[in-house]
N, C-alpha and C. Protein backbone atom coordinates (compact mmCIF):
# COMPACT_ATOMS: atom_id res chain seq x y z
N UNK A 1 -31.03 88.11 -154.92
CA UNK A 1 -30.19 88.36 -156.06
C UNK A 1 -30.91 89.32 -157.00
N UNK A 2 -30.14 90.13 -157.67
CA UNK A 2 -30.68 91.08 -158.63
C UNK A 2 -30.35 90.62 -160.04
N UNK A 3 -31.27 90.82 -160.95
CA UNK A 3 -31.07 90.47 -162.35
C UNK A 3 -30.43 91.65 -163.06
N UNK A 4 -29.37 91.37 -163.86
CA UNK A 4 -28.69 92.39 -164.65
C UNK A 4 -28.58 91.89 -166.08
N UNK A 5 -28.69 92.80 -167.02
CA UNK A 5 -28.49 92.45 -168.42
C UNK A 5 -27.23 93.16 -168.89
N UNK A 6 -26.30 92.39 -169.48
CA UNK A 6 -25.02 92.97 -169.91
C UNK A 6 -24.73 92.59 -171.35
N UNK A 7 -23.80 93.31 -171.96
CA UNK A 7 -23.32 92.99 -173.30
C UNK A 7 -21.87 92.56 -173.18
N UNK A 8 -21.52 91.46 -173.86
CA UNK A 8 -20.14 91.01 -173.88
C UNK A 8 -19.75 90.73 -175.32
N UNK A 9 -18.47 90.71 -175.59
CA UNK A 9 -17.95 90.41 -176.93
C UNK A 9 -18.27 88.96 -177.28
N UNK A 10 -18.38 88.68 -178.57
CA UNK A 10 -18.67 87.31 -179.01
C UNK A 10 -17.57 86.35 -178.56
N UNK A 11 -16.33 86.79 -178.63
CA UNK A 11 -15.23 85.93 -178.21
C UNK A 11 -15.32 85.64 -176.71
N UNK A 12 -15.76 86.62 -175.93
CA UNK A 12 -15.93 86.40 -174.49
C UNK A 12 -17.05 85.40 -174.24
N UNK A 13 -18.11 85.50 -175.03
CA UNK A 13 -19.23 84.56 -174.87
C UNK A 13 -18.79 83.13 -175.15
N UNK A 14 -18.00 82.94 -176.21
CA UNK A 14 -17.52 81.60 -176.56
C UNK A 14 -16.65 81.04 -175.45
N UNK A 15 -15.74 81.86 -174.94
CA UNK A 15 -14.86 81.41 -173.87
C UNK A 15 -15.63 81.13 -172.60
N UNK A 16 -16.63 81.96 -172.31
CA UNK A 16 -17.46 81.77 -171.13
C UNK A 16 -18.23 80.46 -171.21
N UNK A 17 -18.80 80.17 -172.38
CA UNK A 17 -19.54 78.92 -172.56
C UNK A 17 -18.63 77.70 -172.37
N UNK A 18 -17.43 77.76 -172.95
CA UNK A 18 -16.48 76.64 -172.83
C UNK A 18 -16.10 76.41 -171.38
N UNK A 19 -15.77 77.50 -170.67
CA UNK A 19 -15.35 77.37 -169.28
C UNK A 19 -16.49 76.85 -168.41
N UNK A 20 -17.69 77.34 -168.65
CA UNK A 20 -18.85 76.88 -167.87
C UNK A 20 -19.07 75.39 -168.10
N UNK A 21 -18.96 74.95 -169.37
CA UNK A 21 -19.14 73.53 -169.67
C UNK A 21 -18.04 72.69 -169.03
N UNK A 22 -16.81 73.18 -169.08
CA UNK A 22 -15.68 72.45 -168.50
C UNK A 22 -15.84 72.30 -166.99
N UNK A 23 -16.24 73.37 -166.34
CA UNK A 23 -16.39 73.34 -164.89
C UNK A 23 -17.73 72.79 -164.43
N UNK A 24 -18.67 72.66 -165.37
CA UNK A 24 -19.98 72.13 -165.02
C UNK A 24 -20.82 73.07 -164.17
N UNK A 25 -20.69 74.37 -164.44
CA UNK A 25 -21.45 75.38 -163.69
C UNK A 25 -22.15 76.30 -164.69
N UNK A 26 -23.18 77.00 -164.25
CA UNK A 26 -23.85 77.95 -165.14
C UNK A 26 -22.94 79.15 -165.47
N UNK A 27 -23.16 79.73 -166.63
CA UNK A 27 -22.40 80.92 -167.01
C UNK A 27 -22.59 82.03 -165.99
N UNK A 28 -23.80 82.16 -165.47
CA UNK A 28 -24.08 83.20 -164.49
C UNK A 28 -23.20 83.06 -163.25
N UNK A 29 -22.91 81.83 -162.85
CA UNK A 29 -22.05 81.62 -161.68
C UNK A 29 -20.64 82.13 -161.96
N UNK A 30 -20.16 81.90 -163.18
CA UNK A 30 -18.82 82.39 -163.54
C UNK A 30 -18.80 83.91 -163.57
N UNK A 31 -19.86 84.51 -164.08
CA UNK A 31 -19.93 85.96 -164.13
C UNK A 31 -19.96 86.54 -162.72
N UNK A 32 -20.75 85.94 -161.83
CA UNK A 32 -20.78 86.41 -160.43
C UNK A 32 -19.41 86.27 -159.78
N UNK A 33 -18.73 85.16 -160.05
CA UNK A 33 -17.39 84.93 -159.51
C UNK A 33 -16.42 85.99 -160.01
N UNK A 34 -16.49 86.30 -161.30
CA UNK A 34 -15.59 87.30 -161.88
C UNK A 34 -15.87 88.69 -161.32
N UNK A 35 -17.14 89.05 -161.17
CA UNK A 35 -17.50 90.35 -160.61
C UNK A 35 -17.01 90.45 -159.17
N UNK A 36 -17.19 89.39 -158.40
CA UNK A 36 -16.73 89.40 -157.00
C UNK A 36 -15.22 89.59 -156.93
N UNK A 37 -14.47 88.89 -157.77
CA UNK A 37 -13.01 89.01 -157.77
C UNK A 37 -12.59 90.42 -158.17
N UNK A 38 -13.25 90.98 -159.17
CA UNK A 38 -12.94 92.34 -159.62
C UNK A 38 -13.20 93.36 -158.51
N UNK A 39 -14.36 93.25 -157.88
CA UNK A 39 -14.70 94.20 -156.83
C UNK A 39 -13.75 94.09 -155.64
N UNK A 40 -13.37 92.88 -155.29
CA UNK A 40 -12.42 92.68 -154.20
C UNK A 40 -11.08 93.33 -154.52
N UNK A 41 -10.62 93.14 -155.77
CA UNK A 41 -9.35 93.74 -156.19
C UNK A 41 -9.42 95.26 -156.16
N UNK A 42 -10.55 95.81 -156.54
CA UNK A 42 -10.71 97.26 -156.55
C UNK A 42 -10.78 97.84 -155.14
N UNK A 43 -11.26 97.05 -154.20
CA UNK A 43 -11.39 97.51 -152.83
C UNK A 43 -10.10 97.35 -152.03
N UNK A 44 -9.14 96.62 -152.59
CA UNK A 44 -7.86 96.41 -151.90
C UNK A 44 -7.16 97.76 -151.75
N UNK A 45 -6.46 97.96 -150.64
CA UNK A 45 -5.78 99.24 -150.45
C UNK A 45 -4.73 99.48 -151.53
N UNK A 46 -4.67 100.70 -151.99
CA UNK A 46 -3.68 101.08 -152.99
C UNK A 46 -2.55 101.82 -152.28
N UNK A 47 -1.32 101.52 -152.66
CA UNK A 47 -0.17 102.13 -152.02
C UNK A 47 0.61 102.96 -153.01
N UNK A 48 1.17 104.06 -152.53
CA UNK A 48 1.98 104.94 -153.38
C UNK A 48 3.25 104.23 -153.83
N UNK A 49 3.88 103.48 -152.92
CA UNK A 49 5.12 102.78 -153.25
C UNK A 49 5.22 101.51 -152.41
N UNK A 50 6.18 100.67 -152.74
CA UNK A 50 6.39 99.43 -151.99
C UNK A 50 6.68 99.71 -150.51
N UNK A 51 7.36 100.79 -150.24
CA UNK A 51 7.71 101.11 -148.86
C UNK A 51 6.48 101.38 -147.99
N UNK A 52 5.35 101.67 -148.61
CA UNK A 52 4.12 101.94 -147.87
C UNK A 52 3.34 100.67 -147.52
N UNK A 53 3.70 99.55 -148.10
CA UNK A 53 2.95 98.31 -147.86
C UNK A 53 3.33 97.71 -146.52
N UNK A 54 2.39 97.02 -145.87
CA UNK A 54 2.70 96.40 -144.58
C UNK A 54 3.82 95.37 -144.67
N UNK A 55 3.93 94.67 -145.79
CA UNK A 55 4.98 93.65 -145.91
C UNK A 55 6.38 94.25 -145.96
N UNK A 56 6.48 95.51 -146.32
CA UNK A 56 7.80 96.13 -146.42
C UNK A 56 8.51 96.13 -145.07
N UNK A 57 7.74 96.10 -143.99
CA UNK A 57 8.32 96.12 -142.65
C UNK A 57 9.17 94.89 -142.36
N UNK A 58 8.93 93.78 -143.07
CA UNK A 58 9.72 92.57 -142.80
C UNK A 58 10.98 92.49 -143.64
N UNK A 59 11.12 93.39 -144.60
CA UNK A 59 12.32 93.37 -145.44
C UNK A 59 13.54 93.67 -144.58
N UNK A 60 14.52 92.81 -144.65
CA UNK A 60 15.77 93.01 -143.95
C UNK A 60 15.80 92.54 -142.51
N UNK A 61 14.74 91.87 -142.04
CA UNK A 61 14.76 91.45 -140.63
C UNK A 61 15.65 90.22 -140.41
N UNK A 62 15.88 89.46 -141.47
CA UNK A 62 16.76 88.30 -141.33
C UNK A 62 18.21 88.78 -141.43
N UNK A 63 19.07 88.21 -140.61
CA UNK A 63 20.46 88.61 -140.64
C UNK A 63 21.30 87.51 -141.25
N UNK A 64 22.35 87.88 -141.88
CA UNK A 64 23.27 86.92 -142.47
C UNK A 64 22.74 86.35 -143.77
N UNK A 65 23.64 85.71 -144.51
CA UNK A 65 23.21 85.14 -145.79
C UNK A 65 22.37 83.89 -145.57
N UNK A 66 21.39 83.70 -146.41
CA UNK A 66 20.55 82.51 -146.34
C UNK A 66 21.08 81.43 -147.26
N UNK A 67 20.43 80.30 -147.29
CA UNK A 67 20.88 79.23 -148.18
C UNK A 67 20.71 79.64 -149.64
N UNK A 68 21.61 79.19 -150.51
CA UNK A 68 21.53 79.58 -151.91
C UNK A 68 20.38 78.87 -152.63
N UNK A 69 19.87 77.81 -152.03
CA UNK A 69 18.77 77.08 -152.66
C UNK A 69 17.44 77.31 -151.92
N UNK A 70 17.34 78.40 -151.21
CA UNK A 70 16.15 78.67 -150.41
C UNK A 70 14.87 78.75 -151.22
N UNK A 71 14.94 79.32 -152.42
CA UNK A 71 13.72 79.43 -153.22
C UNK A 71 13.33 78.09 -153.82
N UNK A 72 14.30 77.22 -154.07
CA UNK A 72 14.01 75.90 -154.63
C UNK A 72 13.54 74.92 -153.56
N UNK A 73 14.17 74.96 -152.41
CA UNK A 73 13.89 73.98 -151.35
C UNK A 73 13.24 74.62 -150.13
N UNK A 74 12.34 75.58 -150.36
CA UNK A 74 11.72 76.27 -149.24
C UNK A 74 10.97 75.33 -148.30
N UNK A 75 10.34 74.28 -148.86
CA UNK A 75 9.63 73.33 -147.99
C UNK A 75 10.60 72.63 -147.03
N UNK A 76 11.82 72.38 -147.49
CA UNK A 76 12.83 71.76 -146.63
C UNK A 76 13.16 72.68 -145.45
N UNK A 77 13.38 73.96 -145.75
CA UNK A 77 13.79 74.90 -144.72
C UNK A 77 12.64 75.28 -143.79
N UNK A 78 11.41 75.24 -144.30
CA UNK A 78 10.25 75.62 -143.47
C UNK A 78 9.69 74.42 -142.71
N UNK A 79 9.51 73.30 -143.42
CA UNK A 79 8.82 72.14 -142.84
C UNK A 79 9.74 70.95 -142.54
N UNK A 80 10.98 71.00 -143.01
CA UNK A 80 11.91 69.92 -142.73
C UNK A 80 11.79 68.71 -143.65
N UNK A 81 11.07 68.84 -144.76
CA UNK A 81 10.96 67.72 -145.70
C UNK A 81 12.27 67.58 -146.47
N UNK A 82 12.52 66.43 -147.09
CA UNK A 82 13.76 66.29 -147.86
C UNK A 82 13.86 67.33 -148.98
N UNK A 83 15.09 67.70 -149.30
CA UNK A 83 15.30 68.67 -150.37
C UNK A 83 14.90 68.06 -151.71
N UNK A 84 14.19 68.84 -152.53
CA UNK A 84 13.77 68.37 -153.85
C UNK A 84 14.84 68.60 -154.91
N UNK A 85 15.68 69.60 -154.70
CA UNK A 85 16.65 69.99 -155.71
C UNK A 85 18.03 70.16 -155.10
N UNK A 86 19.04 70.04 -155.96
CA UNK A 86 20.40 70.38 -155.55
C UNK A 86 21.03 71.21 -156.65
N UNK A 87 21.98 72.03 -156.28
CA UNK A 87 22.64 72.90 -157.23
C UNK A 87 24.08 72.43 -157.36
N UNK A 88 24.51 72.19 -158.60
CA UNK A 88 25.88 71.74 -158.83
C UNK A 88 26.84 72.92 -158.74
N UNK A 89 28.12 72.63 -158.75
CA UNK A 89 29.13 73.69 -158.68
C UNK A 89 29.04 74.63 -159.88
N UNK A 90 28.54 74.12 -160.99
CA UNK A 90 28.40 74.96 -162.19
C UNK A 90 27.10 75.76 -162.17
N UNK A 91 26.24 75.54 -161.17
CA UNK A 91 25.00 76.28 -161.05
C UNK A 91 23.80 75.59 -161.66
N UNK A 92 24.01 74.38 -162.15
CA UNK A 92 22.89 73.63 -162.73
C UNK A 92 22.00 73.09 -161.62
N UNK A 93 20.68 73.17 -161.84
CA UNK A 93 19.71 72.68 -160.85
C UNK A 93 19.28 71.27 -161.25
N UNK A 94 19.40 70.33 -160.31
CA UNK A 94 19.05 68.93 -160.56
C UNK A 94 18.01 68.51 -159.53
N UNK A 95 16.95 67.86 -160.02
CA UNK A 95 15.91 67.37 -159.11
C UNK A 95 16.39 66.08 -158.45
N UNK A 96 16.31 66.04 -157.11
CA UNK A 96 16.70 64.85 -156.36
C UNK A 96 15.65 63.74 -156.55
N UNK A 97 16.09 62.50 -156.51
CA UNK A 97 15.15 61.38 -156.53
C UNK A 97 14.67 61.14 -155.13
N UNK A 98 13.38 61.35 -154.91
CA UNK A 98 12.81 61.16 -153.58
C UNK A 98 12.10 59.83 -153.49
N UNK A 99 12.06 59.26 -152.29
CA UNK A 99 11.41 57.95 -152.14
C UNK A 99 9.91 58.03 -152.41
């Protein structure tokens, strides 16, 4: 490991101390974690537009309309668990009582 000396704002120092105390880790560990996350984000491929991303290739592969509650009850449709929510005729979302 290499030693680095940095300057941070006083408000950042206060927040860093609180978070380190809450998580029970040294401030240096949080700083290393933050630097690693930043560097990873910077190294991620940058795309000119959404159409250039690999995920864009899956857009439109499903045919026909899907369930209207797919975003609410995705676990039901993917894993077969009971539905957590139902949508009334007026469009109100109600949480189902599960066992």
